[in-house]
Amino acid sequence: LQNKESGEPESKIPREDEEEEPVKHREIKLRNYDPEDEELKKRKLPPGKPASVEDTVKEQLEAAKPEPIIDEV
């Protein structure tokens, strides 16, 4: 903000009525990044395992098969 009369910036006045809450940081979790720093290596997560989708794929393939229809002539 600038003072309208002089055009100089106004000095910031800290708020006394509000209490400062401590800043809560989330812990860093490294999934894909391979850090070189020892402190960051402690935060690296183990490699994830892919979920098994075999049953889901089999069900979808079975559902996609057409049922035989016999027409009598």
PDB file of N, CA and C in Angstrom:
ATOM      1  N   LEU A   1       0.838  -1.181   0.000  1.00  0.00           N
ATOM      2  CA  LEU A   1       0.000   0.000   0.000  1.00  0.00           C
ATOM      3  C   LEU A   1       0.878   1.238   0.000  1.00  0.00           C
ATOM      4  N   GLN A   2       0.419   2.275  -0.651  1.00  0.00           N
ATOM      5  CA  GLN A   2       1.169   3.521  -0.698  1.00  0.00           C
ATOM      6  C   GLN A   2       0.343   4.627  -0.075  1.00  0.00           C
ATOM      7  N   ASN A   3       1.046   5.554   0.550  1.00  0.00           N
ATOM      8  CA  ASN A   3       0.401   6.720   1.113  1.00  0.00           C
ATOM      9  C   ASN A   3      -0.053   7.598  -0.038  1.00  0.00           C
ATOM     10  N   LYS A   4      -1.314   8.008  -0.038  1.00  0.00           N
ATOM     11  CA  LYS A   4      -1.850   8.781  -1.158  1.00  0.00           C
ATOM     12  C   LYS A   4      -1.201  10.152  -1.279  1.00  0.00           C
ATOM     13  N   GLU A   5      -0.831  10.766  -0.176  1.00  0.00           N
ATOM     14  CA  GLU A   5      -0.292  12.123  -0.207  1.00  0.00           C
ATOM     15  C   GLU A   5       1.153  12.158  -0.693  1.00  0.00           C
ATOM     16  N   SER A   6       2.005  11.331  -0.113  1.00  0.00           N
ATOM     17  CA  SER A   6       3.421  11.404  -0.461  1.00  0.00           C
ATOM     18  C   SER A   6       3.825  10.382  -1.515  1.00  0.00           C
ATOM     19  N   GLY A   7       3.018   9.358  -1.737  1.00  0.00           N
ATOM     20  CA  GLY A   7       3.352   8.344  -2.717  1.00  0.00           C
ATOM     21  C   GLY A   7       4.342   7.318  -2.198  1.00  0.00           C
ATOM     22  N   GLU A   8       4.731   7.444  -0.916  1.00  0.00           N
ATOM     23  CA  GLU A   8       5.684   6.497  -0.336  1.00  0.00           C
ATOM     24  C   GLU A   8       4.923   5.321   0.274  1.00  0.00           C
ATOM     25  N   PRO A   9       5.549   4.143   0.284  1.00  0.00           N
ATOM     26  CA  PRO A   9       4.877   2.985   0.870  1.00  0.00           C
ATOM     27  C   PRO A   9       4.672   3.171   2.369  1.00  0.00           C
ATOM     28  N   GLU A  10       3.511   2.726   2.854  1.00  0.00           N
ATOM     29  CA  GLU A  10       3.243   2.783   4.282  1.00  0.00           C
ATOM     30  C   GLU A  10       3.987   1.637   4.957  1.00  0.00           C
ATOM     31  N   SER A  11       4.441   1.884   6.178  1.00  0.00           N
ATOM     32  CA  SER A  11       5.130   0.820   6.900  1.00  0.00           C
ATOM     33  C   SER A  11       4.089  -0.164   7.422  1.00  0.00           C
ATOM     34  N   LYS A  12       4.446  -1.416   7.442  1.00  0.00           N
ATOM     35  CA  LYS A  12       3.519  -2.448   7.885  1.00  0.00           C
ATOM     36  C   LYS A  12       3.475  -2.465   9.411  1.00  0.00           C
ATOM     37  N   ILE A  13       2.274  -2.546   9.943  1.00  0.00           N
ATOM     38  CA  ILE A  13       2.087  -2.584  11.385  1.00  0.00           C
ATOM     39  C   ILE A  13       1.619  -3.990  11.747  1.00  0.00           C
ATOM     40  N   PRO A  14       2.366  -4.683  12.628  1.00  0.00           N
ATOM     41  CA  PRO A  14       1.947  -6.046  12.983  1.00  0.00           C
ATOM     42  C   PRO A  14       0.644  -6.020  13.774  1.00  0.00           C
ATOM     43  N   ARG A  15      -0.166  -7.013  13.560  1.00  0.00           N
ATOM     44  CA  ARG A  15      -1.438  -7.116  14.263  1.00  0.00           C
ATOM     45  C   ARG A  15      -1.178  -7.667  15.660  1.00  0.00           C
ATOM     46  N   GLU A  16      -1.670  -6.971  16.647  1.00  0.00           N
ATOM     47  CA  GLU A  16      -1.456  -7.404  18.023  1.00  0.00           C
ATOM     48  C   GLU A  16      -2.628  -8.229  18.544  1.00  0.00           C
ATOM     49  N   ASP A  17      -3.803  -8.046  17.951  1.00  0.00           N
ATOM     50  CA  ASP A  17      -4.979  -8.725  18.457  1.00  0.00           C
ATOM     51  C   ASP A  17      -5.054 -10.193  18.040  1.00  0.00           C
ATOM     52  N   GLU A  18      -4.328 -10.566  17.005  1.00  0.00           N
ATOM     53  CA  GLU A  18      -4.355 -11.952  16.547  1.00  0.00           C
ATOM     54  C   GLU A  18      -3.125 -12.694  17.044  1.00  0.00           C
ATOM     55  N   GLU A  19      -3.361 -13.879  17.557  1.00  0.00           N
ATOM     56  CA  GLU A  19      -2.236 -14.707  17.977  1.00  0.00           C
ATOM     57  C   GLU A  19      -1.732 -15.480  16.772  1.00  0.00           C
ATOM     58  N   GLU A  20      -0.423 -15.596  16.683  1.00  0.00           N
ATOM     59  CA  GLU A  20       0.157 -16.330  15.560  1.00  0.00           C
ATOM     60  C   GLU A  20       0.087 -17.821  15.851  1.00  0.00           C
ATOM     61  N   GLU A  21      -0.492 -18.556  14.931  1.00  0.00           N
ATOM     62  CA  GLU A  21      -0.544 -20.003  15.065  1.00  0.00           C
ATOM     63  C   GLU A  21       0.718 -20.586  14.450  1.00  0.00           C
ATOM     64  N   PRO A  22       1.254 -21.628  15.042  1.00  0.00           N
ATOM     65  CA  PRO A  22       2.440 -22.233  14.433  1.00  0.00           C
ATOM     66  C   PRO A  22       2.090 -22.816  13.069  1.00  0.00           C
ATOM     67  N   VAL A  23       2.986 -22.658  12.143  1.00  0.00           N
ATOM     68  CA  VAL A  23       2.756 -23.152  10.790  1.00  0.00           C
ATOM     69  C   VAL A  23       2.930 -24.664  10.800  1.00  0.00           C
ATOM     70  N   LYS A  24       1.908 -25.354  10.326  1.00  0.00           N
ATOM     71  CA  LYS A  24       1.964 -26.815  10.293  1.00  0.00           C
ATOM     72  C   LYS A  24       2.338 -27.245   8.885  1.00  0.00           C
ATOM     73  N   HIS A  25       3.475 -27.889   8.772  1.00  0.00           N
ATOM     74  CA  HIS A  25       3.924 -28.373   7.472  1.00  0.00           C
ATOM     75  C   HIS A  25       3.634 -29.861   7.380  1.00  0.00           C
ATOM     76  N   ARG A  26       3.242 -30.258   6.206  1.00  0.00           N
ATOM     77  CA  ARG A  26       3.069 -31.680   5.971  1.00  0.00           C
ATOM     78  C   ARG A  26       4.442 -32.291   5.741  1.00  0.00           C
ATOM     79  N   GLU A  27       4.596 -33.502   6.184  1.00  0.00           N
ATOM     80  CA  GLU A  27       5.867 -34.184   5.995  1.00  0.00           C
ATOM     81  C   GLU A  27       6.043 -34.521   4.519  1.00  0.00           C
ATOM     82  N   ILE A  28       7.235 -34.295   4.021  1.00  0.00           N
ATOM     83  CA  ILE A  28       7.530 -34.563   2.620  1.00  0.00           C
ATOM     84  C   ILE A  28       7.633 -36.072   2.419  1.00  0.00           C
ATOM     85  N   LYS A  29       6.950 -36.564   1.395  1.00  0.00           N
ATOM     86  CA  LYS A  29       7.018 -37.978   1.036  1.00  0.00           C
ATOM     87  C   LYS A  29       7.504 -38.057  -0.398  1.00  0.00           C
ATOM     88  N   LEU A  30       8.658 -38.641  -0.582  1.00  0.00           N
ATOM     89  CA  LEU A  30       9.257 -38.730  -1.911  1.00  0.00           C
ATOM     90  C   LEU A  30       8.919 -40.086  -2.521  1.00  0.00           C
ATOM     91  N   ARG A  31       8.197 -40.058  -3.634  1.00  0.00           N
ATOM     92  CA  ARG A  31       7.814 -41.303  -4.293  1.00  0.00           C
ATOM     93  C   ARG A  31       8.689 -41.584  -5.511  1.00  0.00           C
ATOM     94  N   ASN A  32       8.812 -40.618  -6.403  1.00  0.00           N
ATOM     95  CA  ASN A  32       9.534 -40.832  -7.652  1.00  0.00           C
ATOM     96  C   ASN A  32      10.932 -40.236  -7.638  1.00  0.00           C
ATOM     97  N   TYR A  33      11.177 -39.301  -6.758  1.00  0.00           N
ATOM     98  CA  TYR A  33      12.460 -38.606  -6.728  1.00  0.00           C
ATOM     99  C   TYR A  33      13.464 -39.428  -5.939  1.00  0.00           C
ATOM    100  N   ASP A  34      14.667 -39.585  -6.481  1.00  0.00           N
ATOM    101  CA  ASP A  34      15.731 -40.314  -5.808  1.00  0.00           C
ATOM    102  C   ASP A  34      16.743 -39.298  -5.287  1.00  0.00           C
ATOM    103  N   PRO A  35      16.644 -38.903  -4.005  1.00  0.00           N
ATOM    104  CA  PRO A  35      17.501 -37.844  -3.476  1.00  0.00           C
ATOM    105  C   PRO A  35      18.925 -38.322  -3.219  1.00  0.00           C
ATOM    106  N   GLU A  36      19.839 -37.361  -3.249  1.00  0.00           N
ATOM    107  CA  GLU A  36      21.230 -37.644  -2.909  1.00  0.00           C
ATOM    108  C   GLU A  36      21.526 -37.265  -1.462  1.00  0.00           C
ATOM    109  N   ASP A  37      20.767 -36.345  -0.913  1.00  0.00           N
ATOM    110  CA  ASP A  37      20.963 -35.876   0.449  1.00  0.00           C
ATOM    111  C   ASP A  37      20.506 -36.951   1.440  1.00  0.00           C
ATOM    112  N   GLU A  38      21.299 -37.176   2.477  1.00  0.00           N
ATOM    113  CA  GLU A  38      20.984 -38.213   3.457  1.00  0.00           C
ATOM    114  C   GLU A  38      19.686 -37.911   4.202  1.00  0.00           C
ATOM    115  N   GLU A  39      19.442 -36.643   4.502  1.00  0.00           N
ATOM    116  CA  GLU A  39      18.218 -36.265   5.210  1.00  0.00           C
ATOM    117  C   GLU A  39      16.984 -36.568   4.360  1.00  0.00           C
ATOM    118  N   LEU A  40      17.088 -36.316   3.063  1.00  0.00           N
ATOM    119  CA  LEU A  40      15.957 -36.577   2.173  1.00  0.00           C
ATOM    120  C   LEU A  40      15.790 -38.067   1.890  1.00  0.00           C
ATOM    121  N   LYS A  41      16.873 -38.821   1.922  1.00  0.00           N
ATOM    122  CA  LYS A  41      16.774 -40.262   1.677  1.00  0.00           C
ATOM    123  C   LYS A  41      15.916 -40.941   2.734  1.00  0.00           C
ATOM    124  N   LYS A  42      15.890 -40.356   3.942  1.00  0.00           N
ATOM    125  CA  LYS A  42      15.077 -40.929   5.015  1.00  0.00           C
ATOM    126  C   LYS A  42      13.586 -40.798   4.709  1.00  0.00           C
ATOM    127  N   ARG A  43      13.229 -39.831   3.883  1.00  0.00           N
ATOM    128  CA  ARG A  43      11.821 -39.567   3.588  1.00  0.00           C
ATOM    129  C   ARG A  43      11.328 -40.277   2.332  1.00  0.00           C
ATOM    130  N   LYS A  44      12.205 -41.010   1.666  1.00  0.00           N
ATOM    131  CA  LYS A  44      11.813 -41.697   0.441  1.00  0.00           C
ATOM    132  C   LYS A  44      10.951 -42.905   0.780  1.00  0.00           C
ATOM    133  N   LEU A  45       9.864 -43.053   0.056  1.00  0.00           N
ATOM    134  CA  LEU A  45       8.957 -44.175   0.263  1.00  0.00           C
ATOM    135  C   LEU A  45       9.423 -45.380  -0.546  1.00  0.00           C
ATOM    136  N   PRO A  46       9.122 -46.586  -0.084  1.00  0.00           N
ATOM    137  CA  PRO A  46       9.489 -47.767  -0.872  1.00  0.00           C
ATOM    138  C   PRO A  46       8.683 -47.790  -2.165  1.00  0.00           C
ATOM    139  N   PRO A  47       9.220 -48.427  -3.197  1.00  0.00           N
ATOM    140  CA  PRO A  47       8.494 -48.464  -4.476  1.00  0.00           C
ATOM    141  C   PRO A  47       7.137 -49.140  -4.310  1.00  0.00           C
ATOM    142  N   GLY A  48       6.160 -48.585  -4.971  1.00  0.00           N
ATOM    143  CA  GLY A  48       4.803 -49.121  -4.874  1.00  0.00           C
ATOM    144  C   GLY A  48       4.634 -50.363  -5.724  1.00  0.00           C
ATOM    145  N   LYS A  49       3.705 -51.203  -5.322  1.00  0.00           N
ATOM    146  CA  LYS A  49       3.413 -52.417  -6.080  1.00  0.00           C
ATOM    147  C   LYS A  49       2.126 -52.182  -6.858  1.00  0.00           C
ATOM    148  N   PRO A  50       2.117 -52.524  -8.137  1.00  0.00           N
ATOM    149  CA  PRO A  50       0.890 -52.322  -8.916  1.00  0.00           C
ATOM    150  C   PRO A  50      -0.216 -53.258  -8.434  1.00  0.00           C
ATOM    151  N   ALA A  51      -1.415 -52.760  -8.501  1.00  0.00           N
ATOM    152  CA  ALA A  51      -2.568 -53.559  -8.077  1.00  0.00           C
ATOM    153  C   ALA A  51      -2.851 -54.643  -9.110  1.00  0.00           C
ATOM    154  N   SER A  52      -3.336 -55.769  -8.643  1.00  0.00           N
ATOM    155  CA  SER A  52      -3.680 -56.870  -9.536  1.00  0.00           C
ATOM    156  C   SER A  52      -5.011 -56.564 -10.212  1.00  0.00           C
ATOM    157  N   VAL A  53      -4.995 -56.573 -11.527  1.00  0.00           N
ATOM    158  CA  VAL A  53      -6.208 -56.274 -12.286  1.00  0.00           C
ATOM    159  C   VAL A  53      -6.652 -57.474 -13.111  1.00  0.00           C
ATOM    160  N   GLU A  54      -6.033 -58.616 -12.892  1.00  0.00           N
ATOM    161  CA  GLU A  54      -6.338 -59.799 -13.695  1.00  0.00           C
ATOM    162  C   GLU A  54      -7.803 -60.202 -13.577  1.00  0.00           C
ATOM    163  N   ASP A  55      -8.336 -60.230 -12.354  1.00  0.00           N
ATOM    164  CA  ASP A  55      -9.736 -60.638 -12.169  1.00  0.00           C
ATOM    165  C   ASP A  55     -10.682 -59.671 -12.864  1.00  0.00           C
ATOM    166  N   THR A  56     -10.403 -58.393 -12.754  1.00  0.00           N
ATOM    167  CA  THR A  56     -11.266 -57.386 -13.380  1.00  0.00           C
ATOM    168  C   THR A  56     -11.245 -57.524 -14.890  1.00  0.00           C
ATOM    169  N   VAL A  57     -10.061 -57.738 -15.460  1.00  0.00           N
ATOM    170  CA  VAL A  57      -9.944 -57.876 -16.914  1.00  0.00           C
ATOM    171  C   VAL A  57     -10.659 -59.140 -17.386  1.00  0.00           C
ATOM    172  N   LYS A  58     -10.510 -60.235 -16.649  1.00  0.00           N
ATOM    173  CA  LYS A  58     -11.185 -61.482 -17.032  1.00  0.00           C
ATOM    174  C   LYS A  58     -12.697 -61.303 -17.032  1.00  0.00           C
ATOM    175  N   GLU A  59     -13.220 -60.622 -16.016  1.00  0.00           N
ATOM    176  CA  GLU A  59     -14.668 -60.390 -15.949  1.00  0.00           C
ATOM    177  C   GLU A  59     -15.142 -59.545 -17.125  1.00  0.00           C
ATOM    178  N   GLN A  60     -14.376 -58.535 -17.481  1.00  0.00           N
ATOM    179  CA  GLN A  60     -14.764 -57.671 -18.595  1.00  0.00           C
ATOM    180  C   GLN A  60     -14.697 -58.416 -19.921  1.00  0.00           C
ATOM    181  N   LEU A  61     -13.685 -59.275 -20.091  1.00  0.00           N
ATOM    182  CA  LEU A  61     -13.582 -60.054 -21.323  1.00  0.00           C
ATOM    183  C   LEU A  61     -14.732 -61.053 -21.433  1.00  0.00           C
ATOM    184  N   GLU A  62     -15.086 -61.679 -20.329  1.00  0.00           N
ATOM    185  CA  GLU A  62     -16.205 -62.622 -20.347  1.00  0.00           C
ATOM    186  C   GLU A  62     -17.511 -61.900 -20.657  1.00  0.00           C
ATOM    187  N   ALA A  63     -17.680 -60.714 -20.133  1.00  0.00           N
ATOM    188  CA  ALA A  63     -18.908 -59.954 -20.372  1.00  0.00           C
ATOM    189  C   ALA A  63     -18.985 -59.468 -21.816  1.00  0.00           C
ATOM    190  N   ALA A  64     -17.851 -59.319 -22.474  1.00  0.00           N
ATOM    191  CA  ALA A  64     -17.833 -58.808 -23.843  1.00  0.00           C
ATOM    192  C   ALA A  64     -18.095 -59.901 -24.877  1.00  0.00           C
ATOM    193  N   LYS A  65     -17.979 -61.166 -24.484  1.00  0.00           N
ATOM    194  CA  LYS A  65     -18.216 -62.259 -25.433  1.00  0.00           C
ATOM    195  C   LYS A  65     -19.702 -62.334 -25.759  1.00  0.00           C
ATOM    196  N   PRO A  66     -20.019 -62.432 -27.042  1.00  0.00           N
ATOM    197  CA  PRO A  66     -21.439 -62.547 -27.400  1.00  0.00           C
ATOM    198  C   PRO A  66     -21.950 -63.953 -27.090  1.00  0.00           C
ATOM    199  N   GLU A  67     -23.182 -64.013 -26.626  1.00  0.00           N
ATOM    200  CA  GLU A  67     -23.786 -65.309 -26.345  1.00  0.00           C
ATOM    201  C   GLU A  67     -24.315 -65.894 -27.655  1.00  0.00           C
ATOM    202  N   PRO A  68     -24.126 -67.190 -27.858  1.00  0.00           N
ATOM    203  CA  PRO A  68     -24.615 -67.784 -29.112  1.00  0.00           C
ATOM    204  C   PRO A  68     -26.147 -67.771 -29.159  1.00  0.00           C
ATOM    205  N   ILE A  69     -26.656 -67.310 -30.263  1.00  0.00           N
ATOM    206  CA  ILE A  69     -28.103 -67.261 -30.470  1.00  0.00           C
ATOM    207  C   ILE A  69     -28.439 -68.207 -31.619  1.00  0.00           C
ATOM    208  N   ILE A  70     -29.304 -69.160 -31.353  1.00  0.00           N
ATOM    209  CA  ILE A  70     -29.685 -70.123 -32.380  1.00  0.00           C
ATOM    210  C   ILE A  70     -31.077 -69.758 -32.878  1.00  0.00           C
ATOM    211  N   ASP A  71     -31.145 -69.493 -34.153  1.00  0.00           N
ATOM    212  CA  ASP A  71     -32.439 -69.204 -34.779  1.00  0.00           C
ATOM    213  C   ASP A  71     -32.917 -70.469 -35.489  1.00  0.00           C
ATOM    214  N   GLU A  72     -34.124 -70.874 -35.197  1.00  0.00           N
ATOM    215  CA  GLU A  72     -34.693 -72.024 -35.879  1.00  0.00           C
ATOM    216  C   GLU A  72     -35.378 -71.553 -37.142  1.00  0.00           C
ATOM    217  N   VAL A  73     -35.171 -72.314 -38.182  1.00  0.00           N
ATOM    218  CA  VAL A  73     -35.745 -71.949 -39.469  1.00  0.00           C
ATOM    219  C   VAL A  73     -36.992 -72.740 -39.739  1.00  0.00           C
TER     220      VAL A  73
END
